[in-house]
N, C-alpha and C. Protein backbone atom coordinates (compact mmCIF):
# COMPACT_ATOMS: atom_id res chain seq x y z
N MET A 1 -3.28 2.65 -18.07
CA MET A 1 -3.83 1.32 -18.03
C MET A 1 -5.35 1.39 -18.01
N SER A 2 -5.89 2.37 -17.28
CA SER A 2 -7.34 2.53 -17.23
C SER A 2 -7.90 2.84 -18.62
N ASN A 3 -7.20 3.69 -19.34
CA ASN A 3 -7.64 4.03 -20.70
C ASN A 3 -7.62 2.81 -21.61
N TYR A 4 -6.60 1.99 -21.48
CA TYR A 4 -6.50 0.78 -22.29
C TYR A 4 -7.63 -0.19 -21.94
N ILE A 5 -7.97 -0.28 -20.67
CA ILE A 5 -9.08 -1.13 -20.24
C ILE A 5 -10.38 -0.64 -20.87
N GLN A 6 -10.59 0.68 -20.87
CA GLN A 6 -11.79 1.24 -21.48
C GLN A 6 -11.84 0.94 -22.98
N LYS A 7 -10.69 1.07 -23.64
CA LYS A 7 -10.64 0.79 -25.07
C LYS A 7 -10.97 -0.67 -25.35
N LEU A 8 -10.38 -1.58 -24.55
CA LEU A 8 -10.67 -2.99 -24.73
C LEU A 8 -12.15 -3.31 -24.48
N ASP A 9 -12.73 -2.62 -23.52
CA ASP A 9 -14.15 -2.82 -23.23
C ASP A 9 -14.99 -2.41 -24.44
N GLU A 10 -14.64 -1.31 -25.07
CA GLU A 10 -15.32 -0.88 -26.29
C GLU A 10 -15.09 -1.88 -27.42
N ASP A 11 -13.86 -2.35 -27.54
CA ASP A 11 -13.54 -3.34 -28.58
C ASP A 11 -14.33 -4.63 -28.38
N LYS A 12 -14.53 -5.00 -27.11
CA LYS A 12 -15.30 -6.22 -26.81
C LYS A 12 -16.73 -6.06 -27.30
N ASP A 13 -17.29 -4.88 -27.07
CA ASP A 13 -18.66 -4.62 -27.50
C ASP A 13 -18.78 -4.64 -29.03
N ASN A 14 -17.72 -4.26 -29.72
CA ASN A 14 -17.73 -4.19 -31.19
C ASN A 14 -17.06 -5.41 -31.84
N ALA A 15 -16.78 -6.44 -31.06
CA ALA A 15 -16.09 -7.61 -31.59
C ALA A 15 -16.92 -8.29 -32.68
N SER A 16 -16.22 -8.77 -33.70
CA SER A 16 -16.90 -9.39 -34.83
C SER A 16 -17.28 -10.85 -34.57
N SER A 17 -16.65 -11.48 -33.59
CA SER A 17 -16.97 -12.87 -33.29
C SER A 17 -16.96 -13.10 -31.78
N THR A 18 -17.62 -14.16 -31.38
CA THR A 18 -17.65 -14.47 -29.94
C THR A 18 -16.28 -14.91 -29.44
N THR A 19 -15.50 -15.53 -30.31
CA THR A 19 -14.15 -15.95 -29.94
C THR A 19 -13.29 -14.74 -29.61
N GLU A 20 -13.38 -13.73 -30.45
CA GLU A 20 -12.62 -12.50 -30.21
C GLU A 20 -13.11 -11.80 -28.96
N ALA A 21 -14.42 -11.78 -28.75
CA ALA A 21 -14.99 -11.15 -27.56
C ALA A 21 -14.51 -11.85 -26.29
N LYS A 22 -14.46 -13.18 -26.32
CA LYS A 22 -14.00 -13.93 -25.15
C LYS A 22 -12.52 -13.69 -24.89
N ARG A 23 -11.72 -13.59 -25.94
CA ARG A 23 -10.29 -13.31 -25.78
C ARG A 23 -10.10 -11.94 -25.14
N ILE A 24 -10.86 -10.97 -25.62
CA ILE A 24 -10.77 -9.61 -25.07
C ILE A 24 -11.24 -9.61 -23.62
N GLU A 25 -12.30 -10.35 -23.35
CA GLU A 25 -12.83 -10.43 -21.98
C GLU A 25 -11.80 -11.01 -21.02
N LYS A 26 -11.08 -12.04 -21.47
CA LYS A 26 -10.04 -12.66 -20.66
C LYS A 26 -8.90 -11.66 -20.40
N GLU A 27 -8.51 -10.93 -21.43
CA GLU A 27 -7.46 -9.92 -21.27
C GLU A 27 -7.92 -8.81 -20.34
N LEU A 28 -9.19 -8.42 -20.46
CA LEU A 28 -9.75 -7.39 -19.57
C LEU A 28 -9.68 -7.82 -18.11
N ALA A 29 -10.05 -9.05 -17.85
CA ALA A 29 -10.02 -9.56 -16.47
C ALA A 29 -8.61 -9.53 -15.92
N HIS A 30 -7.65 -9.93 -16.75
CA HIS A 30 -6.24 -9.93 -16.34
C HIS A 30 -5.76 -8.50 -16.05
N LEU A 31 -6.08 -7.56 -16.91
CA LEU A 31 -5.66 -6.17 -16.73
C LEU A 31 -6.33 -5.53 -15.52
N GLN A 32 -7.59 -5.84 -15.30
CA GLN A 32 -8.29 -5.28 -14.14
C GLN A 32 -7.68 -5.80 -12.84
N LYS A 33 -7.28 -7.06 -12.84
CA LYS A 33 -6.61 -7.62 -11.66
C LYS A 33 -5.27 -6.92 -11.43
N GLN A 34 -4.50 -6.71 -12.50
CA GLN A 34 -3.22 -6.02 -12.37
C GLN A 34 -3.42 -4.59 -11.88
N LEU A 35 -4.43 -3.90 -12.42
CA LEU A 35 -4.69 -2.52 -12.00
C LEU A 35 -5.05 -2.47 -10.52
N HIS A 36 -5.84 -3.43 -10.06
CA HIS A 36 -6.19 -3.50 -8.64
C HIS A 36 -4.94 -3.68 -7.77
N GLU A 37 -4.05 -4.59 -8.19
CA GLU A 37 -2.81 -4.83 -7.45
C GLU A 37 -1.94 -3.58 -7.44
N LEU A 38 -1.87 -2.88 -8.57
CA LEU A 38 -1.07 -1.65 -8.64
C LEU A 38 -1.64 -0.58 -7.73
N ASN A 39 -2.95 -0.47 -7.67
CA ASN A 39 -3.58 0.52 -6.78
C ASN A 39 -3.29 0.20 -5.31
N GLN A 40 -3.34 -1.08 -4.96
CA GLN A 40 -3.02 -1.47 -3.58
C GLN A 40 -1.56 -1.15 -3.26
N PHE A 41 -0.65 -1.46 -4.18
CA PHE A 41 0.76 -1.17 -3.96
C PHE A 41 0.98 0.34 -3.84
N ASP A 42 0.28 1.11 -4.66
CA ASP A 42 0.41 2.57 -4.62
C ASP A 42 0.00 3.12 -3.25
N GLU A 43 -1.07 2.56 -2.68
CA GLU A 43 -1.50 2.99 -1.35
C GLU A 43 -0.44 2.68 -0.30
N LYS A 44 0.13 1.46 -0.36
CA LYS A 44 1.19 1.09 0.59
C LYS A 44 2.41 1.98 0.40
N LEU A 45 2.79 2.20 -0.84
CA LEU A 45 3.96 3.03 -1.14
C LEU A 45 3.75 4.46 -0.63
N ARG A 46 2.56 5.00 -0.83
CA ARG A 46 2.26 6.35 -0.35
C ARG A 46 2.38 6.42 1.16
N HIS A 47 1.91 5.38 1.85
CA HIS A 47 1.99 5.33 3.31
C HIS A 47 3.45 5.43 3.78
N TYR A 48 4.32 4.62 3.16
CA TYR A 48 5.73 4.65 3.56
C TYR A 48 6.42 5.92 3.10
N ALA A 49 6.03 6.47 1.97
CA ALA A 49 6.62 7.72 1.49
C ALA A 49 6.25 8.87 2.42
N ASP A 50 5.02 8.87 2.92
CA ASP A 50 4.58 9.91 3.84
C ASP A 50 5.34 9.86 5.16
N GLN A 51 5.85 8.70 5.52
CA GLN A 51 6.62 8.57 6.77
C GLN A 51 8.01 9.16 6.64
N ARG A 52 8.47 9.36 5.42
CA ARG A 52 9.81 9.90 5.15
C ARG A 52 10.87 9.15 5.97
N ILE A 53 10.93 7.86 5.75
CA ILE A 53 11.84 6.97 6.47
C ILE A 53 13.28 7.32 6.12
N GLN A 54 14.09 7.49 7.15
CA GLN A 54 15.50 7.79 6.96
C GLN A 54 16.28 6.48 6.89
N LEU A 55 17.11 6.35 5.89
CA LEU A 55 17.96 5.17 5.76
C LEU A 55 19.39 5.54 6.12
N ASP A 56 20.03 4.66 6.83
CA ASP A 56 21.43 4.86 7.19
C ASP A 56 22.21 3.69 6.59
N LEU A 57 23.09 3.99 5.68
CA LEU A 57 23.84 2.94 5.00
C LEU A 57 24.68 2.13 5.98
N ASP A 58 25.05 2.72 7.08
CA ASP A 58 25.84 2.00 8.09
C ASP A 58 25.01 0.93 8.80
N ASP A 59 23.69 1.04 8.77
CA ASP A 59 22.82 0.04 9.40
C ASP A 59 22.80 -1.27 8.63
N GLY A 60 23.07 -1.22 7.36
CA GLY A 60 23.07 -2.44 6.54
C GLY A 60 21.72 -2.73 5.92
N VAL A 61 21.73 -3.71 5.05
CA VAL A 61 20.54 -4.07 4.29
C VAL A 61 19.43 -4.59 5.19
N LYS A 62 19.77 -5.46 6.14
CA LYS A 62 18.73 -6.06 6.99
C LYS A 62 17.91 -5.01 7.71
N VAL A 63 18.55 -4.05 8.31
CA VAL A 63 17.84 -3.02 9.08
C VAL A 63 17.05 -2.12 8.14
N ASN A 64 17.67 -1.64 7.08
CA ASN A 64 17.00 -0.72 6.17
C ASN A 64 15.85 -1.40 5.43
N TYR A 65 16.03 -2.62 5.02
CA TYR A 65 15.00 -3.37 4.30
C TYR A 65 13.79 -3.57 5.21
N GLY A 66 14.04 -3.86 6.48
CA GLY A 66 12.96 -4.10 7.43
C GLY A 66 12.12 -2.88 7.73
N LYS A 67 12.61 -1.69 7.45
CA LYS A 67 11.87 -0.46 7.72
C LYS A 67 10.67 -0.31 6.79
N PHE A 68 10.61 -1.10 5.73
CA PHE A 68 9.55 -0.95 4.75
C PHE A 68 8.47 -2.02 4.85
N GLY A 69 8.44 -2.74 5.95
CA GLY A 69 7.36 -3.70 6.21
C GLY A 69 7.15 -4.66 5.06
N ASP A 70 5.89 -4.78 4.63
CA ASP A 70 5.54 -5.72 3.57
C ASP A 70 5.57 -5.09 2.18
N LEU A 71 6.09 -3.89 2.06
CA LEU A 71 6.17 -3.22 0.77
C LEU A 71 7.14 -3.93 -0.17
N LEU A 72 8.23 -4.43 0.37
CA LEU A 72 9.24 -5.10 -0.44
C LEU A 72 9.07 -6.61 -0.34
N ALA A 73 9.51 -7.29 -1.37
CA ALA A 73 9.38 -8.75 -1.41
C ALA A 73 10.41 -9.42 -0.52
N ASN A 74 10.07 -10.57 -0.05
CA ASN A 74 10.99 -11.45 0.69
C ASN A 74 11.60 -10.79 1.93
N VAL A 75 10.81 -10.06 2.67
CA VAL A 75 11.30 -9.39 3.88
C VAL A 75 11.88 -10.40 4.86
N LYS A 76 11.19 -11.51 5.04
CA LYS A 76 11.64 -12.52 6.01
C LYS A 76 13.00 -13.08 5.62
N GLU A 77 13.23 -13.31 4.33
CA GLU A 77 14.51 -13.85 3.90
C GLU A 77 15.66 -12.88 4.18
N VAL A 78 15.40 -11.61 4.03
CA VAL A 78 16.47 -10.62 4.21
C VAL A 78 16.68 -10.28 5.68
N THR A 79 15.57 -10.01 6.39
CA THR A 79 15.70 -9.55 7.78
C THR A 79 15.66 -10.68 8.79
N GLY A 80 15.11 -11.81 8.40
CA GLY A 80 14.95 -12.92 9.34
C GLY A 80 13.74 -12.76 10.21
N GLU A 81 12.92 -11.73 9.93
CA GLU A 81 11.72 -11.47 10.71
C GLU A 81 10.50 -11.58 9.83
N LYS A 82 9.35 -11.74 10.46
CA LYS A 82 8.09 -11.78 9.73
C LYS A 82 7.69 -10.36 9.36
N SER A 83 7.11 -10.18 8.13
CA SER A 83 6.68 -8.84 7.71
C SER A 83 5.45 -8.41 8.51
N ASP A 84 5.24 -7.09 8.60
CA ASP A 84 4.11 -6.52 9.36
C ASP A 84 2.78 -6.83 8.74
């Protein structure tokens, strides 16, 4: 994704029209936001992976899902508790 962002940045500089440059700029902003979100998720995921959390299927979804804090979506709906 970083390489694609760099390529788009070069394409923006070489754009033949301002309309094309603005379109590329808008796409760049969107991709940079996504890359930032992915980096944040990667940090959270690494934190939980380093903990080597043990899952027990007998505990059920609510207990196992809750072990991952805010990493997974809709924690409150599944566990009935607020995420960390």
